[in-house]
Amino acid sequence: MRDQDDGERDGGEHDGTRSGEQDRHDAGAGDGGAARGDGAQDPEPRRGRPRSAAAERAILDAVITLLEAGEPLAGLSIERIARTAGVGKATIYRRWTGKEELFVDVVRDMEPVDPPVSGTEGLADLRVMLESLRTRGLAQRSSVLLHNIFAQMKSHPKLWDEYSGTVIAPRRELMLAAVRRAVAAGELRDDLDVELIDDLFVGPMLVRTVHRPDAPLPDDLADRIIAALVQGLAPAGSTAARA
C-alpha cells in the first residue's frame, strides 16, 4: 500500500492547502510539535509536552468521514486525510508511521472496547473474552461501514498483517494465558494441548460471528459454549463420556 505517501513524508506538512497561520496553529495546538524557523515542525514531539487529543480525534474522524463518503481504504492518502482533518501531514506522522497503523487504530476506535480481565482467573476470564468476541461480531453486523472496512482489510495483506499483529495476536495471547490459568486451577484438563483447548473455545464463536453472519448471537452464547465444552458433548453414561 505504499503510494505517494513516501513523497509526502519528505515534503513536511505544507501541502499547498494550508495557510501559514494554520501551520502556526498546529505548532502551538499542543500536539507535541515545536515550530522551527522555516515554518515546518520538528518530526519528534518536544519532551514532556502532551500530544493533542483533539488533533488525534480529528484525524480518526477524518478517515471515518472519507470512508463513509465511499472512499476505499486503498485510495486514501495521508495528504487527503490531513486536509480533511485540518492538520498537517507531520501531525499524522508523529502519531503513526504510516497508513496501516492509522487504519488499524480507526478500526479499534470503531469496535467495542475490549473489557478488562482479572489476569488471575481462568474460566471467568475466558468468559469475558468470549463475550467480547460476541459483541464485536454484533458490532460488525450492525455497522455496514465496519463490515466493509474488514472486507477491504482482508484484501490488503499489509494492512491485515498489521491488524493481526497488533490486535488479534495480543487477544490470542490473553486467551491462551487464561486457558493456562484454568488448567492450573483444575478447571480444565491438563492432558490436552493448550492451543487446542483455546481453539475449541474460540472456534464456535468465530463460526457464529464470522462464517455464519445470519446465525443468532444470544446474550448467553459464551456461557453455553463454555458449559458444552466443560461438560462434554457425549450423552451422560455413554461409552464416549467414560473414555
C-alpha atoms as a PDB file:
ATOM      1  CA  MET A   1       0.000   0.000   0.000  1.00  0.00           C
ATOM      2  CA  ARG A   2       2.963   2.338  -0.469  1.00  0.00           C
ATOM      3  CA  ASP A   3       1.987   5.120  -2.830  1.00  0.00           C
ATOM      4  CA  GLN A   4       2.650   8.835  -2.882  1.00  0.00           C
ATOM      5  CA  ASP A   5       2.852   8.799   0.916  1.00  0.00           C
ATOM      6  CA  ASP A   6       6.622   8.264   0.792  1.00  0.00           C
ATOM      7  CA  GLY A   7       6.986  11.533  -1.004  1.00  0.00           C
ATOM      8  CA  GLU A   8       4.555  13.209   1.359  1.00  0.00           C
ATOM      9  CA  ARG A   9       6.656  12.196   4.368  1.00  0.00           C
ATOM     10  CA  ASP A  10       9.650  14.044   2.929  1.00  0.00           C
ATOM     11  CA  GLY A  11       7.544  17.025   1.997  1.00  0.00           C
ATOM     12  CA  GLY A  12       6.691  18.022   5.566  1.00  0.00           C
ATOM     13  CA  GLU A  13       3.235  19.235   6.427  1.00  0.00           C
ATOM     14  CA  HIS A  14       2.867  22.010   3.837  1.00  0.00           C
ATOM     15  CA  ASP A  15       0.776  20.558   1.029  1.00  0.00           C
ATOM     16  CA  GLY A  16      -0.313  23.800  -0.560  1.00  0.00           C
ATOM     17  CA  THR A  17      -3.758  23.710   1.013  1.00  0.00           C
ATOM     18  CA  ARG A  18      -2.961  25.379   4.357  1.00  0.00           C
ATOM     19  CA  SER A  19      -2.002  28.927   5.211  1.00  0.00           C
ATOM     20  CA  GLY A  20       0.987  29.846   7.344  1.00  0.00           C
ATOM     21  CA  GLU A  21      -1.418  30.891  10.093  1.00  0.00           C
ATOM     22  CA  GLN A  22      -2.924  27.384  10.143  1.00  0.00           C
ATOM     23  CA  ASP A  23       0.546  25.828  10.309  1.00  0.00           C
ATOM     24  CA  ARG A  24       1.473  28.033  13.253  1.00  0.00           C
ATOM     25  CA  HIS A  25      -1.792  26.996  14.939  1.00  0.00           C
ATOM     26  CA  ASP A  26      -0.812  23.325  14.569  1.00  0.00           C
ATOM     27  CA  ALA A  27       2.589  24.050  16.050  1.00  0.00           C
ATOM     28  CA  GLY A  28       1.060  25.527  19.183  1.00  0.00           C
ATOM     29  CA  ALA A  29      -2.008  23.323  19.452  1.00  0.00           C
ATOM     30  CA  GLY A  30      -0.399  21.018  21.978  1.00  0.00           C
ATOM     31  CA  ASP A  31       0.068  18.081  19.599  1.00  0.00           C
ATOM     32  CA  GLY A  32       3.707  17.805  20.559  1.00  0.00           C
ATOM     33  CA  GLY A  33       5.387  19.680  17.695  1.00  0.00           C
ATOM     34  CA  ALA A  34       7.832  22.558  18.061  1.00  0.00           C
ATOM     35  CA  ALA A  35       7.941  25.192  15.320  1.00  0.00           C
ATOM     36  CA  ARG A  36      11.244  25.782  13.514  1.00  0.00           C
ATOM     37  CA  GLY A  37      12.341  28.934  11.762  1.00  0.00           C
ATOM     38  CA  ASP A  38      11.445  27.535   8.332  1.00  0.00           C
ATOM     39  CA  GLY A  39       7.758  27.185   9.283  1.00  0.00           C
ATOM     40  CA  ALA A  40       7.896  23.370   9.471  1.00  0.00           C
ATOM     41  CA  GLN A  41       7.719  21.346  12.658  1.00  0.00           C
ATOM     42  CA  ASP A  42      10.187  19.059  14.366  1.00  0.00           C
ATOM     43  CA  PRO A  43       9.410  15.430  13.414  1.00  0.00           C
ATOM     44  CA  GLU A  44       9.517  14.340  17.069  1.00  0.00           C
ATOM     45  CA  PRO A  45       7.385  15.769  19.888  1.00  0.00           C
ATOM     46  CA  ARG A  46       9.079  18.002  22.444  1.00  0.00           C
ATOM     47  CA  ARG A  47       9.982  16.012  25.560  1.00  0.00           C
ATOM     48  CA  GLY A  48       7.347  16.263  28.244  1.00  0.00           C
ATOM     49  CA  ARG A  49       4.800  18.007  26.040  1.00  0.00           C
ATOM     50  CA  PRO A  50       1.480  16.123  25.635  1.00  0.00           C
ATOM     51  CA  ARG A  51       0.005  15.365  22.249  1.00  0.00           C
ATOM     52  CA  SER A  52      -3.268  16.989  21.322  1.00  0.00           C
ATOM     53  CA  ALA A  53      -6.181  14.630  21.913  1.00  0.00           C
ATOM     54  CA  ALA A  54      -8.303  16.933  19.751  1.00  0.00           C
ATOM     55  CA  ALA A  55      -5.911  16.596  16.801  1.00  0.00           C
ATOM     56  CA  GLU A  56      -5.839  12.813  17.149  1.00  0.00           C
ATOM     57  CA  ARG A  57      -9.629  12.701  17.317  1.00  0.00           C
ATOM     58  CA  ALA A  58      -9.870  14.910  14.220  1.00  0.00           C
ATOM     59  CA  ILE A  59      -7.565  12.567  12.276  1.00  0.00           C
ATOM     60  CA  LEU A  60      -9.526   9.429  13.200  1.00  0.00           C
ATOM     61  CA  ASP A  61     -12.808  11.184  12.381  1.00  0.00           C
ATOM     62  CA  ALA A  62     -11.417  12.348   9.047  1.00  0.00           C
ATOM     63  CA  VAL A  63     -10.673   8.765   7.982  1.00  0.00           C
ATOM     64  CA  ILE A  64     -14.172   7.668   9.020  1.00  0.00           C
ATOM     65  CA  THR A  65     -15.720  10.612   7.148  1.00  0.00           C
ATOM     66  CA  LEU A  66     -13.862   9.721   3.962  1.00  0.00           C
ATOM     67  CA  LEU A  67     -14.797   6.046   4.248  1.00  0.00           C
ATOM     68  CA  GLU A  68     -18.445   6.948   4.846  1.00  0.00           C
ATOM     69  CA  ALA A  69     -18.303   9.029   1.676  1.00  0.00           C
ATOM     70  CA  GLY A  70     -17.365   5.886  -0.243  1.00  0.00           C
ATOM     71  CA  GLU A  71     -13.592   6.298  -0.459  1.00  0.00           C
ATOM     72  CA  PRO A  72     -11.804   2.922  -0.473  1.00  0.00           C
ATOM     73  CA  LEU A  73      -9.025   2.298   2.015  1.00  0.00           C
ATOM     74  CA  ALA A  74      -6.504   1.811  -0.769  1.00  0.00           C
ATOM     75  CA  GLY A  75      -7.386   5.205  -2.215  1.00  0.00           C
ATOM     76  CA  LEU A  76      -6.791   7.232   0.943  1.00  0.00           C
ATOM     77  CA  SER A  77      -3.531   9.143   1.182  1.00  0.00           C
ATOM     78  CA  ILE A  78      -2.001  10.826   4.200  1.00  0.00           C
ATOM     79  CA  GLU A  79      -2.290  14.139   2.352  1.00  0.00           C
ATOM     80  CA  ARG A  80      -6.034  13.680   1.821  1.00  0.00           C
ATOM     81  CA  ILE A  81      -6.588  12.627   5.429  1.00  0.00           C
ATOM     82  CA  ALA A  82      -4.581  15.584   6.747  1.00  0.00           C
ATOM     83  CA  ARG A  83      -6.505  18.030   4.580  1.00  0.00           C
ATOM     84  CA  THR A  84      -9.839  16.617   5.742  1.00  0.00           C
ATOM     85  CA  ALA A  85      -8.759  16.720   9.393  1.00  0.00           C
ATOM     86  CA  GLY A  86      -7.406  20.252   9.109  1.00  0.00           C
ATOM     87  CA  VAL A  87      -3.911  19.300  10.257  1.00  0.00           C
ATOM     88  CA  GLY A  88      -0.522  18.938   8.644  1.00  0.00           C
ATOM     89  CA  LYS A  89       0.934  15.653   7.466  1.00  0.00           C
ATOM     90  CA  ALA A  90       3.674  15.890  10.117  1.00  0.00           C
ATOM     91  CA  THR A  91       0.956  15.868  12.778  1.00  0.00           C
ATOM     92  CA  ILE A  92      -0.181  12.461  11.490  1.00  0.00           C
ATOM     93  CA  TYR A  93       3.326  11.064  11.144  1.00  0.00           C
ATOM     94  CA  ARG A  94       4.129  11.966  14.741  1.00  0.00           C
ATOM     95  CA  ARG A  95       1.405   9.534  15.804  1.00  0.00           C
ATOM     96  CA  TRP A  96       1.506   6.820  13.138  1.00  0.00           C
ATOM     97  CA  THR A  97       4.384   5.594  10.968  1.00  0.00           C
ATOM     98  CA  GLY A  98       2.059   5.114   8.010  1.00  0.00           C
ATOM     99  CA  LYS A  99      -1.436   4.368   6.786  1.00  0.00           C
ATOM    100  CA  GLU A 100      -1.528   0.797   8.070  1.00  0.00           C
ATOM    101  CA  GLU A 101      -1.015   1.821  11.697  1.00  0.00           C
ATOM    102  CA  LEU A 102      -3.531   4.645  11.340  1.00  0.00           C
ATOM    103  CA  PHE A 103      -6.208   2.437   9.764  1.00  0.00           C
ATOM    104  CA  VAL A 104      -5.805  -0.187  12.494  1.00  0.00           C
ATOM    105  CA  ASP A 105      -6.439   2.493  15.119  1.00  0.00           C
ATOM    106  CA  VAL A 106      -9.506   3.639  13.186  1.00  0.00           C
ATOM    107  CA  VAL A 107     -10.901   0.097  13.310  1.00  0.00           C
ATOM    108  CA  ARG A 108     -10.106  -0.242  17.009  1.00  0.00           C
ATOM    109  CA  ASP A 109     -11.830   3.082  17.611  1.00  0.00           C
ATOM    110  CA  MET A 110     -14.977   1.820  15.876  1.00  0.00           C
ATOM    111  CA  GLU A 111     -15.028  -1.577  17.592  1.00  0.00           C
ATOM    112  CA  PRO A 112     -16.387  -2.086  21.114  1.00  0.00           C
ATOM    113  CA  VAL A 113     -13.677  -1.535  23.713  1.00  0.00           C
ATOM    114  CA  ASP A 114     -12.030  -4.746  24.926  1.00  0.00           C
ATOM    115  CA  PRO A 115     -13.213  -5.314  28.507  1.00  0.00           C
ATOM    116  CA  PRO A 116     -10.596  -5.732  31.239  1.00  0.00           C
ATOM    117  CA  VAL A 117      -9.841  -9.213  32.514  1.00  0.00           C
ATOM    118  CA  SER A 118      -8.656 -10.054  36.002  1.00  0.00           C
ATOM    119  CA  GLY A 119      -5.455 -11.735  34.868  1.00  0.00           C
ATOM    120  CA  THR A 120      -5.834 -14.152  37.779  1.00  0.00           C
ATOM    121  CA  GLU A 121      -8.976 -16.130  36.881  1.00  0.00           C
ATOM    122  CA  GLY A 122      -9.247 -18.949  34.349  1.00  0.00           C
ATOM    123  CA  LEU A 123     -12.721 -19.774  33.046  1.00  0.00           C
ATOM    124  CA  ALA A 124     -14.083 -16.442  34.287  1.00  0.00           C
ATOM    125  CA  ASP A 125     -11.585 -14.534  32.131  1.00  0.00           C
ATOM    126  CA  LEU A 126     -12.271 -16.850  29.189  1.00  0.00           C
ATOM    127  CA  ARG A 127     -15.943 -15.997  29.516  1.00  0.00           C
ATOM    128  CA  VAL A 128     -15.179 -12.235  29.436  1.00  0.00           C
ATOM    129  CA  MET A 129     -13.094 -12.577  26.278  1.00  0.00           C
ATOM    130  CA  LEU A 130     -15.624 -14.805  24.507  1.00  0.00           C
ATOM    131  CA  GLU A 131     -18.323 -12.270  25.310  1.00  0.00           C
ATOM    132  CA  SER A 132     -16.119  -9.528  23.865  1.00  0.00           C
ATOM    133  CA  LEU A 133     -15.779 -11.553  20.654  1.00  0.00           C
ATOM    134  CA  ARG A 134     -19.580 -11.863  20.512  1.00  0.00           C
ATOM    135  CA  THR A 135     -20.114  -8.112  20.935  1.00  0.00           C
ATOM    136  CA  ARG A 136     -17.562  -7.356  18.210  1.00  0.00           C
ATOM    137  CA  GLY A 137     -19.491  -9.701  15.937  1.00  0.00           C
ATOM    138  CA  LEU A 138     -22.693  -7.828  16.725  1.00  0.00           C
ATOM    139  CA  ALA A 139     -20.952  -4.525  16.001  1.00  0.00           C
ATOM    140  CA  GLN A 140     -19.862  -5.710  12.556  1.00  0.00           C
ATOM    141  CA  ARG A 141     -23.404  -6.844  11.795  1.00  0.00           C
ATOM    142  CA  SER A 142     -24.916  -3.525  12.848  1.00  0.00           C
ATOM    143  CA  SER A 143     -22.347  -1.312  11.123  1.00  0.00           C
ATOM    144  CA  VAL A 144     -22.186  -1.536   7.348  1.00  0.00           C
ATOM    145  CA  LEU A 145     -19.091   0.668   7.413  1.00  0.00           C
ATOM    146  CA  LEU A 146     -17.225  -1.556   9.866  1.00  0.00           C
ATOM    147  CA  HIS A 147     -18.205  -4.648   7.893  1.00  0.00           C
ATOM    148  CA  ASN A 148     -16.939  -3.085   4.657  1.00  0.00           C
ATOM    149  CA  ILE A 149     -13.690  -1.992   6.288  1.00  0.00           C
ATOM    150  CA  PHE A 150     -12.933  -5.545   7.407  1.00  0.00           C
ATOM    151  CA  ALA A 151     -13.743  -6.852   3.930  1.00  0.00           C
ATOM    152  CA  GLN A 152     -11.294  -4.353   2.422  1.00  0.00           C
ATOM    153  CA  MET A 153      -8.621  -5.059   5.018  1.00  0.00           C
ATOM    154  CA  LYS A 154      -8.586  -8.756   4.163  1.00  0.00           C
ATOM    155  CA  SER A 155      -7.850  -7.925   0.527  1.00  0.00           C
ATOM    156  CA  HIS A 156      -4.799  -5.858   1.517  1.00  0.00           C
ATOM    157  CA  PRO A 157      -2.224  -8.226   3.093  1.00  0.00           C
ATOM    158  CA  LYS A 158      -0.020  -5.486   4.563  1.00  0.00           C
ATOM    159  CA  LEU A 159      -2.941  -3.871   6.356  1.00  0.00           C
ATOM    160  CA  TRP A 160      -4.374  -7.189   7.531  1.00  0.00           C
ATOM    161  CA  ASP A 161      -0.932  -8.254   8.814  1.00  0.00           C
ATOM    162  CA  GLU A 162      -0.743  -5.025  10.826  1.00  0.00           C
ATOM    163  CA  TYR A 163      -4.173  -5.651  12.348  1.00  0.00           C
ATOM    164  CA  SER A 164      -3.371  -9.295  13.044  1.00  0.00           C
ATOM    165  CA  GLY A 165      -0.068  -8.486  14.690  1.00  0.00           C
ATOM    166  CA  THR A 166      -1.199  -5.567  16.841  1.00  0.00           C
ATOM    167  CA  VAL A 167      -4.782  -6.572  17.678  1.00  0.00           C
ATOM    168  CA  ILE A 168      -5.568 -10.251  17.050  1.00  0.00           C
ATOM    169  CA  ALA A 169      -2.267 -11.696  18.304  1.00  0.00           C
ATOM    170  CA  PRO A 170      -2.391  -9.936  21.702  1.00  0.00           C
ATOM    171  CA  ARG A 171      -6.000 -11.049  22.178  1.00  0.00           C
ATOM    172  CA  ARG A 172      -4.999 -14.633  21.435  1.00  0.00           C
ATOM    173  CA  GLU A 173      -2.160 -14.433  23.964  1.00  0.00           C
ATOM    174  CA  LEU A 174      -4.617 -13.254  26.608  1.00  0.00           C
ATOM    175  CA  MET A 175      -6.884 -16.204  25.813  1.00  0.00           C
ATOM    176  CA  LEU A 176      -4.014 -18.691  25.991  1.00  0.00           C
ATOM    177  CA  ALA A 177      -2.924 -17.253  29.331  1.00  0.00           C
ATOM    178  CA  ALA A 178      -6.478 -17.654  30.677  1.00  0.00           C
ATOM    179  CA  VAL A 179      -6.582 -21.268  29.456  1.00  0.00           C
ATOM    180  CA  ARG A 180      -3.297 -21.971  31.275  1.00  0.00           C
ATOM    181  CA  ARG A 181      -4.722 -20.462  34.464  1.00  0.00           C
ATOM    182  CA  ALA A 182      -7.860 -22.593  34.113  1.00  0.00           C
ATOM    183  CA  VAL A 183      -5.722 -25.712  33.687  1.00  0.00           C
ATOM    184  CA  ALA A 184      -3.580 -24.795  36.685  1.00  0.00           C
ATOM    185  CA  ALA A 185      -6.703 -24.213  38.778  1.00  0.00           C
ATOM    186  CA  GLY A 186      -8.117 -27.622  37.870  1.00  0.00           C
ATOM    187  CA  GLU A 187     -10.997 -26.125  35.876  1.00  0.00           C
ATOM    188  CA  LEU A 188      -9.818 -27.772  32.649  1.00  0.00           C
ATOM    189  CA  ARG A 189      -7.967 -30.969  31.761  1.00  0.00           C
ATOM    190  CA  ASP A 190      -4.182 -30.866  31.955  1.00  0.00           C
ATOM    191  CA  ASP A 191      -3.576 -33.616  29.388  1.00  0.00           C
ATOM    192  CA  LEU A 192      -4.541 -31.599  26.311  1.00  0.00           C
ATOM    193  CA  ASP A 193      -2.578 -29.116  24.245  1.00  0.00           C
ATOM    194  CA  VAL A 194      -3.310 -25.582  25.479  1.00  0.00           C
ATOM    195  CA  GLU A 195      -3.634 -24.178  21.965  1.00  0.00           C
ATOM    196  CA  LEU A 196      -6.151 -26.915  21.082  1.00  0.00           C
ATOM    197  CA  ILE A 197      -8.220 -26.027  24.146  1.00  0.00           C
ATOM    198  CA  ASP A 198      -8.110 -22.357  23.139  1.00  0.00           C
ATOM    199  CA  ASP A 199      -9.258 -23.208  19.603  1.00  0.00           C
ATOM    200  CA  LEU A 200     -12.136 -25.257  21.000  1.00  0.00           C
ATOM    201  CA  PHE A 201     -13.395 -22.255  22.961  1.00  0.00           C
ATOM    202  CA  VAL A 202     -12.847 -19.604  20.293  1.00  0.00           C
ATOM    203  CA  GLY A 203     -13.865 -21.709  17.293  1.00  0.00           C
ATOM    204  CA  PRO A 204     -17.636 -21.852  17.912  1.00  0.00           C
ATOM    205  CA  MET A 205     -17.811 -18.095  18.497  1.00  0.00           C
ATOM    206  CA  LEU A 206     -15.819 -17.364  15.337  1.00  0.00           C
ATOM    207  CA  VAL A 207     -18.090 -19.634  13.317  1.00  0.00           C
ATOM    208  CA  ARG A 208     -21.135 -17.714  14.572  1.00  0.00           C
ATOM    209  CA  THR A 209     -19.651 -14.228  14.193  1.00  0.00           C
ATOM    210  CA  VAL A 210     -17.608 -14.601  11.002  1.00  0.00           C
ATOM    211  CA  HIS A 211     -18.586 -17.650   8.960  1.00  0.00           C
ATOM    212  CA  ARG A 212     -22.319 -17.644   9.659  1.00  0.00           C
ATOM    213  CA  PRO A 213     -23.374 -13.984   9.577  1.00  0.00           C
ATOM    214  CA  ASP A 214     -27.054 -14.934   9.903  1.00  0.00           C
ATOM    215  CA  ALA A 215     -26.551 -17.195  12.925  1.00  0.00           C
ATOM    216  CA  PRO A 216     -28.028 -15.941  16.201  1.00  0.00           C
ATOM    217  CA  LEU A 217     -25.714 -14.394  18.802  1.00  0.00           C
ATOM    218  CA  PRO A 218     -27.788 -14.638  22.013  1.00  0.00           C
ATOM    219  CA  ASP A 219     -26.653 -12.989  25.225  1.00  0.00           C
ATOM    220  CA  ASP A 220     -25.836 -16.327  26.855  1.00  0.00           C
ATOM    221  CA  LEU A 221     -23.821 -17.731  23.950  1.00  0.00           C
ATOM    222  CA  ALA A 222     -20.450 -17.511  25.740  1.00  0.00           C
ATOM    223  CA  ASP A 223     -21.875 -19.328  28.767  1.00  0.00           C
ATOM    224  CA  ARG A 224     -23.390 -22.026  26.559  1.00  0.00           C
ATOM    225  CA  ILE A 225     -20.108 -22.617  24.726  1.00  0.00           C
ATOM    226  CA  ILE A 226     -18.171 -22.929  27.978  1.00  0.00           C
ATOM    227  CA  ALA A 227     -20.774 -25.238  29.533  1.00  0.00           C
ATOM    228  CA  ALA A 228     -20.837 -27.507  26.479  1.00  0.00           C
ATOM    229  CA  LEU A 229     -17.049 -27.849  26.414  1.00  0.00           C
ATOM    230  CA  VAL A 230     -16.610 -28.314  30.150  1.00  0.00           C
ATOM    231  CA  GLN A 231     -19.438 -30.834  30.458  1.00  0.00           C
ATOM    232  CA  GLY A 232     -18.611 -32.623  27.196  1.00  0.00           C
ATOM    233  CA  LEU A 233     -20.830 -33.477  24.267  1.00  0.00           C
ATOM    234  CA  ALA A 234     -21.309 -37.206  24.816  1.00  0.00           C
ATOM    235  CA  PRO A 235     -24.555 -38.314  26.497  1.00  0.00           C
ATOM    236  CA  ALA A 236     -24.200 -38.950  30.211  1.00  0.00           C
ATOM    237  CA  GLY A 237     -23.286 -42.573  30.936  1.00  0.00           C
ATOM    238  CA  SER A 238     -22.282 -43.311  27.329  1.00  0.00           C
ATOM    239  CA  THR A 239     -19.085 -45.142  26.392  1.00  0.00           C
ATOM    240  CA  ALA A 240     -17.692 -41.956  24.852  1.00  0.00           C
ATOM    241  CA  ALA A 241     -18.335 -39.993  28.054  1.00  0.00           C
ATOM    242  CA  ARG A 242     -16.416 -42.568  30.117  1.00  0.00           C
ATOM    243  CA  ALA A 243     -13.495 -42.763  27.707  1.00  0.00           C
END
